[in-house]
Amino acid sequence: MSAPIAVRGSAPPRRLRRLGVTVLALTTGIAIAYPVYWMLLSSLAPEGSSLARVTLVWPRSVGLDAFRHVLTQYPIGAWLWNTTWVAVASSVLALVVSLLAAYSITRFRFRGRGAVGFSILVAQLLPATSLILPLFLTFRAYHLLNTLTAVAISYTSFTVPLAVWLLWGYLQAIPKDFEEAAMVDGCSQLVAFLRTTLPLSLPGLVATGLFAFLEAWNEYLLAYVLTSSPDRWVFSVGLFGFVNQYVVLPEQMMAASLIATLPAVAVYLLLQRFVRGGLTLGGVTG
């Protein structure tokens, strides 16, 4: 059998392909990183200066006046605490509810199992604006308006559907044989779940929890509707306070935005290794 004849010019050279991939990766990275870099430049610009004078490389003059005014004139500490409390509470609550729901759908066979999964997916597609009024009336009836508890519960209602779908894929990748072996040794199904499936699903739980945390950290609309006192605002609502009726404070807004971004970035950097493992686990089913 004769060897196949290579057709010259049928495919681009390997170096050219590598160069194209490198250029594409650099372009994508710059497009993602530049808004953050511009936010840093704007926060370091002198207050009252036009943003048009902020060059693409570095501002003509730098200073920390915006950070000093933000930290002294606004309740940044309260906003950070409120945002952290709401994000952590909603993430933990979403994880508990989603894990139980995903485990029930994955391990138990019951009538309407497919309809339940489809309804969870449809719930994820609902826009937040369609549920604002029911949530507002419900929390008003239970005297929970202008409380962080209402904000955390409302965030949970929007993160649970997608979290269930994520954990569904993770739990499907874990064989039932581990639980069955533990039950043969005398464990109940709950104890078998806690000793076998739960530790194996830790990467998926961390990845799903991080998703819920970041969603709650960046949410604005629900917190804006459910809270009215500045001391109960989360950071996303507090940033809106820099836009007044007649005056906009862009340098202070960018400084506050940078402060609000750093905790979320730190949490992601701490948990990124679990995220990579969780994504790999969720992509393997069988």
Protein backbone atom coordinates (compact mmCIF):
# COMPACT_ATOMS: atom_id res chain seq x y z
CA MET A 1 0.00 0.00 0.00
CA SER A 2 1.47 3.31 -1.05
CA ALA A 3 1.94 6.07 1.51
CA PRO A 4 -0.51 8.99 1.32
CA ILE A 5 0.75 11.93 -0.63
CA ALA A 6 0.79 15.20 1.31
CA VAL A 7 -0.80 18.05 -0.55
CA ARG A 8 1.37 21.12 -0.25
CA GLY A 9 -0.55 24.18 0.88
CA SER A 10 -3.66 22.25 1.97
CA ALA A 11 -3.24 23.29 5.62
CA PRO A 12 -1.54 26.31 7.19
CA PRO A 13 1.87 25.66 8.73
CA ARG A 14 1.97 24.74 12.38
CA ARG A 15 3.79 27.93 13.32
CA LEU A 16 1.16 30.03 11.60
CA ARG A 17 -1.60 28.27 13.50
CA ARG A 18 0.22 28.80 16.77
CA LEU A 19 0.69 32.46 15.94
CA GLY A 20 -3.00 32.84 15.18
CA VAL A 21 -3.99 31.17 18.46
CA THR A 22 -1.53 33.35 20.37
CA VAL A 23 -2.82 36.55 18.77
CA LEU A 24 -6.42 35.52 19.47
CA ALA A 25 -5.62 34.69 23.11
CA LEU A 26 -3.79 38.00 23.64
CA THR A 27 -6.60 39.97 22.01
CA THR A 28 -9.21 38.25 24.18
CA GLY A 29 -7.13 38.79 27.32
CA ILE A 30 -6.66 42.48 26.58
CA ALA A 31 -10.37 42.93 25.86
CA ILE A 32 -11.22 41.34 29.22
CA ALA A 33 -8.50 43.03 31.29
CA TYR A 34 -8.62 46.54 29.88
CA PRO A 35 -11.96 47.58 31.51
CA VAL A 36 -10.47 46.65 34.88
CA TYR A 37 -7.29 48.55 34.04
CA TRP A 38 -9.33 51.57 32.96
CA MET A 39 -11.24 51.40 36.25
CA LEU A 40 -7.91 51.51 38.11
CA LEU A 41 -6.72 54.48 36.03
CA SER A 42 -9.96 56.36 36.65
CA SER A 43 -9.79 55.75 40.41
CA LEU A 44 -6.26 57.19 40.51
CA ALA A 45 -7.15 60.28 38.46
CA PRO A 46 -7.58 63.58 40.35
CA GLU A 47 -11.14 64.19 41.49
CA GLY A 48 -13.14 66.47 39.27
CA SER A 49 -11.00 65.75 36.23
CA SER A 50 -12.68 64.66 33.05
CA LEU A 51 -12.37 60.99 32.21
CA ALA A 52 -11.43 62.04 28.71
CA ARG A 53 -8.08 63.15 30.11
CA VAL A 54 -7.34 59.62 31.33
CA THR A 55 -5.02 58.28 28.70
CA LEU A 56 -4.92 54.70 27.46
CA VAL A 57 -1.62 54.06 29.26
CA TRP A 58 -1.51 56.13 32.45
CA PRO A 59 -3.26 59.27 33.75
CA ARG A 60 -1.43 62.56 33.57
CA SER A 61 -1.41 62.75 37.35
CA VAL A 62 -2.29 60.18 39.99
CA GLY A 63 -3.53 60.40 43.54
CA LEU A 64 -5.49 58.58 46.23
CA ASP A 65 -8.02 61.33 46.89
CA ALA A 66 -10.89 59.25 45.50
CA PHE A 67 -10.07 56.32 47.78
CA ARG A 68 -9.72 58.61 50.81
CA HIS A 69 -13.09 60.26 50.20
CA VAL A 70 -14.81 56.93 49.56
CA LEU A 71 -13.45 55.37 52.75
CA THR A 72 -14.27 58.40 54.92
CA GLN A 73 -17.55 59.70 53.48
CA TYR A 74 -19.39 56.46 52.66
CA PRO A 75 -20.23 53.40 54.81
CA ILE A 76 -17.95 51.12 52.80
CA GLY A 77 -17.44 48.78 55.75
CA ALA A 78 -21.19 48.30 56.20
CA TRP A 79 -21.67 47.69 52.48
CA LEU A 80 -18.90 45.09 52.46
CA TRP A 81 -20.33 43.35 55.51
CA ASN A 82 -23.86 43.34 54.09
CA THR A 83 -22.70 42.01 50.74
CA THR A 84 -20.56 39.31 52.35
CA TRP A 85 -23.35 38.23 54.69
CA VAL A 86 -25.93 38.05 51.91
CA ALA A 87 -23.57 36.27 49.49
CA VAL A 88 -22.44 33.67 52.04
CA ALA A 89 -25.94 33.05 53.42
CA SER A 90 -27.56 32.71 50.01
CA SER A 91 -24.73 30.46 48.76
CA VAL A 92 -24.97 28.09 51.73
CA LEU A 93 -28.77 27.96 51.51
CA ALA A 94 -28.65 27.40 47.75
CA LEU A 95 -26.09 24.61 48.16
CA VAL A 96 -28.16 22.77 50.76
CA VAL A 97 -31.39 22.98 48.78
CA SER A 98 -29.72 22.22 45.44
CA LEU A 99 -27.74 19.25 46.77
CA LEU A 100 -30.83 17.61 48.24
CA ALA A 101 -32.84 18.25 45.07
CA ALA A 102 -30.09 17.02 42.74
CA TYR A 103 -29.47 13.93 44.87
CA SER A 104 -33.17 13.07 44.91
CA ILE A 105 -33.46 13.40 41.13
CA THR A 106 -30.26 11.45 40.50
CA ARG A 107 -30.64 8.55 42.94
CA PHE A 108 -34.40 8.00 43.16
CA ARG A 109 -36.77 6.89 40.43
CA PHE A 110 -40.25 8.36 40.73
CA ARG A 111 -43.09 9.39 38.47
CA GLY A 112 -42.66 12.86 37.01
CA ARG A 113 -38.88 12.85 37.47
CA GLY A 114 -38.30 14.27 34.00
CA ALA A 115 -41.00 16.91 34.47
CA VAL A 116 -39.34 18.06 37.69
CA GLY A 117 -36.00 18.50 35.93
CA PHE A 118 -37.65 20.37 33.07
CA SER A 119 -39.52 22.68 35.46
CA ILE A 120 -36.24 23.52 37.21
CA LEU A 121 -34.73 24.46 33.87
CA VAL A 122 -37.76 26.61 32.98
CA ALA A 123 -37.51 28.37 36.37
CA GLN A 124 -33.94 29.35 35.51
CA LEU A 125 -35.16 31.03 32.32
CA LEU A 126 -37.56 33.35 34.15
CA PRO A 127 -36.33 36.96 34.28
CA ALA A 128 -35.86 38.60 37.66
CA THR A 129 -38.34 41.34 36.82
CA SER A 130 -41.18 38.81 36.59
CA LEU A 131 -40.75 37.80 40.24
CA ILE A 132 -39.98 41.14 41.86
CA LEU A 133 -43.61 41.96 42.68
CA PRO A 134 -44.47 38.52 44.18
CA LEU A 135 -41.30 38.58 46.25
CA PHE A 136 -41.97 42.14 47.41
CA LEU A 137 -45.53 41.32 48.49
CA THR A 138 -44.44 38.12 50.22
CA PHE A 139 -41.68 39.79 52.21
CA ARG A 140 -43.98 42.68 53.09
CA ALA A 141 -46.56 40.24 54.45
CA TYR A 142 -43.89 38.66 56.67
CA HIS A 143 -42.40 42.04 57.68
CA LEU A 144 -39.06 41.25 56.07
CA LEU A 145 -38.71 44.29 53.85
CA ASN A 146 -35.49 46.29 54.27
CA THR A 147 -33.73 43.27 55.81
CA LEU A 148 -30.72 41.31 54.64
CA THR A 149 -32.67 38.10 55.23
CA ALA A 150 -35.11 39.00 52.46
CA VAL A 151 -32.25 39.79 50.10
CA ALA A 152 -30.52 36.48 50.83
CA ILE A 153 -33.71 34.46 50.32
CA SER A 154 -34.51 36.24 47.07
CA TYR A 155 -31.00 35.57 45.76
CA THR A 156 -31.38 31.91 46.66
CA SER A 157 -34.58 31.60 44.65
CA PHE A 158 -32.69 32.61 41.51
CA THR A 159 -29.51 30.59 42.05
CA VAL A 160 -31.11 27.28 43.06
CA PRO A 161 -32.36 26.21 39.58
CA LEU A 162 -28.99 26.43 37.85
CA ALA A 163 -27.22 25.06 40.93
CA VAL A 164 -29.49 21.99 40.79
CA TRP A 165 -28.57 21.42 37.16
CA LEU A 166 -24.86 21.75 37.92
CA LEU A 167 -24.96 19.37 40.88
CA TRP A 168 -27.12 16.96 38.88
CA GLY A 169 -24.25 16.51 36.45
CA TYR A 170 -21.69 16.16 39.24
CA LEU A 171 -23.69 13.51 41.11
CA GLN A 172 -24.30 11.53 37.93
CA ALA A 173 -20.53 11.22 37.54
CA ILE A 174 -20.27 9.50 40.95
CA PRO A 175 -21.14 5.78 40.72
CA LYS A 176 -23.82 4.40 42.99
CA ASP A 177 -21.57 1.46 43.81
CA PHE A 178 -19.86 3.41 46.60
CA GLU A 179 -23.14 4.00 48.40
CA GLU A 180 -24.30 0.44 47.83
CA ALA A 181 -21.04 -0.92 49.26
CA ALA A 182 -21.44 1.26 52.33
CA MET A 183 -25.04 0.12 52.76
CA VAL A 184 -23.92 -3.51 52.53
CA ASP A 185 -21.55 -2.78 55.43
CA GLY A 186 -24.53 -1.66 57.51
CA CYS A 187 -24.79 2.07 56.80
CA SER A 188 -28.12 3.69 56.18
CA GLN A 189 -28.61 5.55 52.91
CA LEU A 190 -28.13 8.90 54.66
CA VAL A 191 -24.89 7.78 56.32
CA ALA A 192 -23.69 6.26 53.05
CA PHE A 193 -24.37 9.54 51.31
CA LEU A 194 -22.52 11.54 53.95
CA ARG A 195 -19.50 9.22 53.97
CA THR A 196 -19.10 8.46 50.26
CA THR A 197 -20.98 10.72 47.86
CA LEU A 198 -20.64 13.98 49.76
CA PRO A 199 -16.80 13.91 50.00
CA LEU A 200 -16.49 12.87 46.34
CA SER A 201 -18.77 15.73 45.25
CA LEU A 202 -16.73 18.37 47.11
CA PRO A 203 -15.19 19.91 43.94
CA GLY A 204 -18.63 20.22 42.38
CA LEU A 205 -20.05 21.72 45.56
CA VAL A 206 -17.27 24.31 45.73
CA ALA A 207 -17.68 25.22 42.05
CA THR A 208 -21.44 25.56 42.44
CA GLY A 209 -21.07 27.51 45.67
CA LEU A 210 -18.62 29.87 44.02
CA PHE A 211 -21.09 30.45 41.20
CA ALA A 212 -23.84 31.25 43.70
CA PHE A 213 -21.49 33.50 45.69
CA LEU A 214 -20.45 35.55 42.66
CA GLU A 215 -24.04 35.83 41.45
CA ALA A 216 -25.11 37.16 44.85
CA TRP A 217 -22.10 39.48 45.06
CA ASN A 218 -22.98 41.17 41.76
CA GLU A 219 -26.78 41.23 42.05
CA TYR A 220 -28.34 44.69 42.06
CA LEU A 221 -32.02 44.76 41.12
CA LEU A 222 -33.46 42.62 43.92
CA ALA A 223 -31.42 44.34 46.61
CA TYR A 224 -32.44 47.74 45.27
CA VAL A 225 -36.14 46.86 45.48
CA LEU A 226 -36.08 45.09 48.85
CA THR A 227 -33.89 47.52 50.83
CA SER A 228 -34.31 51.23 51.39
CA SER A 229 -31.94 52.20 54.23
CA PRO A 230 -28.34 53.02 53.25
CA ASP A 231 -27.06 50.96 56.19
CA ARG A 232 -28.79 47.87 54.70
CA TRP A 233 -27.49 48.36 51.17
CA VAL A 234 -25.21 45.87 49.53
CA PHE A 235 -22.26 47.17 47.54
CA SER A 236 -23.99 47.06 44.16
CA VAL A 237 -26.76 49.31 45.46
CA GLY A 238 -24.26 51.57 47.23
CA LEU A 239 -22.43 52.19 43.96
CA PHE A 240 -25.63 53.64 42.54
CA GLY A 241 -25.39 56.36 45.20
CA PHE A 242 -22.46 57.92 43.36
CA VAL A 243 -24.83 58.89 40.55
CA ASN A 244 -26.82 61.90 41.78
CA GLN A 245 -29.47 63.91 39.99
CA TYR A 246 -27.09 66.67 38.90
CA VAL A 247 -23.62 65.35 39.73
CA VAL A 248 -21.78 62.16 38.81
CA LEU A 249 -18.65 61.23 40.76
CA PRO A 250 -16.82 58.89 38.37
CA GLU A 251 -13.48 58.83 40.20
CA GLN A 252 -15.09 57.91 43.50
CA MET A 253 -17.36 55.39 41.78
CA MET A 254 -14.38 53.68 40.15
CA ALA A 255 -12.50 53.62 43.47
CA ALA A 256 -15.49 52.05 45.23
CA SER A 257 -15.94 49.58 42.36
CA LEU A 258 -12.32 48.50 42.70
CA ILE A 259 -12.80 47.96 46.44
CA ALA A 260 -15.93 45.93 45.77
CA THR A 261 -14.15 43.78 43.18
CA LEU A 262 -11.16 42.76 45.28
CA PRO A 263 -12.96 40.41 47.76
CA ALA A 264 -14.72 38.51 44.96
CA VAL A 265 -11.44 38.12 43.06
CA ALA A 266 -9.69 36.91 46.23
CA VAL A 267 -12.38 34.28 46.85
CA TYR A 268 -12.11 33.06 43.27
CA LEU A 269 -8.31 32.81 43.44
CA LEU A 270 -8.55 30.79 46.65
CA LEU A 271 -11.07 28.32 45.21
CA GLN A 272 -10.02 28.14 41.57
CA ARG A 273 -8.39 24.72 41.95
CA PHE A 274 -11.69 23.32 43.19
CA VAL A 275 -13.46 25.00 40.28
CA ARG A 276 -11.22 23.26 37.75
CA GLY A 277 -11.83 19.92 39.42
CA GLY A 278 -15.56 20.55 39.62
CA LEU A 279 -15.84 21.44 35.96
CA THR A 280 -13.94 18.28 34.99
CA LEU A 281 -16.15 16.13 37.22
CA GLY A 282 -19.33 17.68 35.86
CA GLY A 283 -18.28 16.94 32.29
CA VAL A 284 -18.01 13.17 32.88
CA THR A 285 -21.25 11.25 33.16
CA GLY A 286 -22.00 7.58 33.15
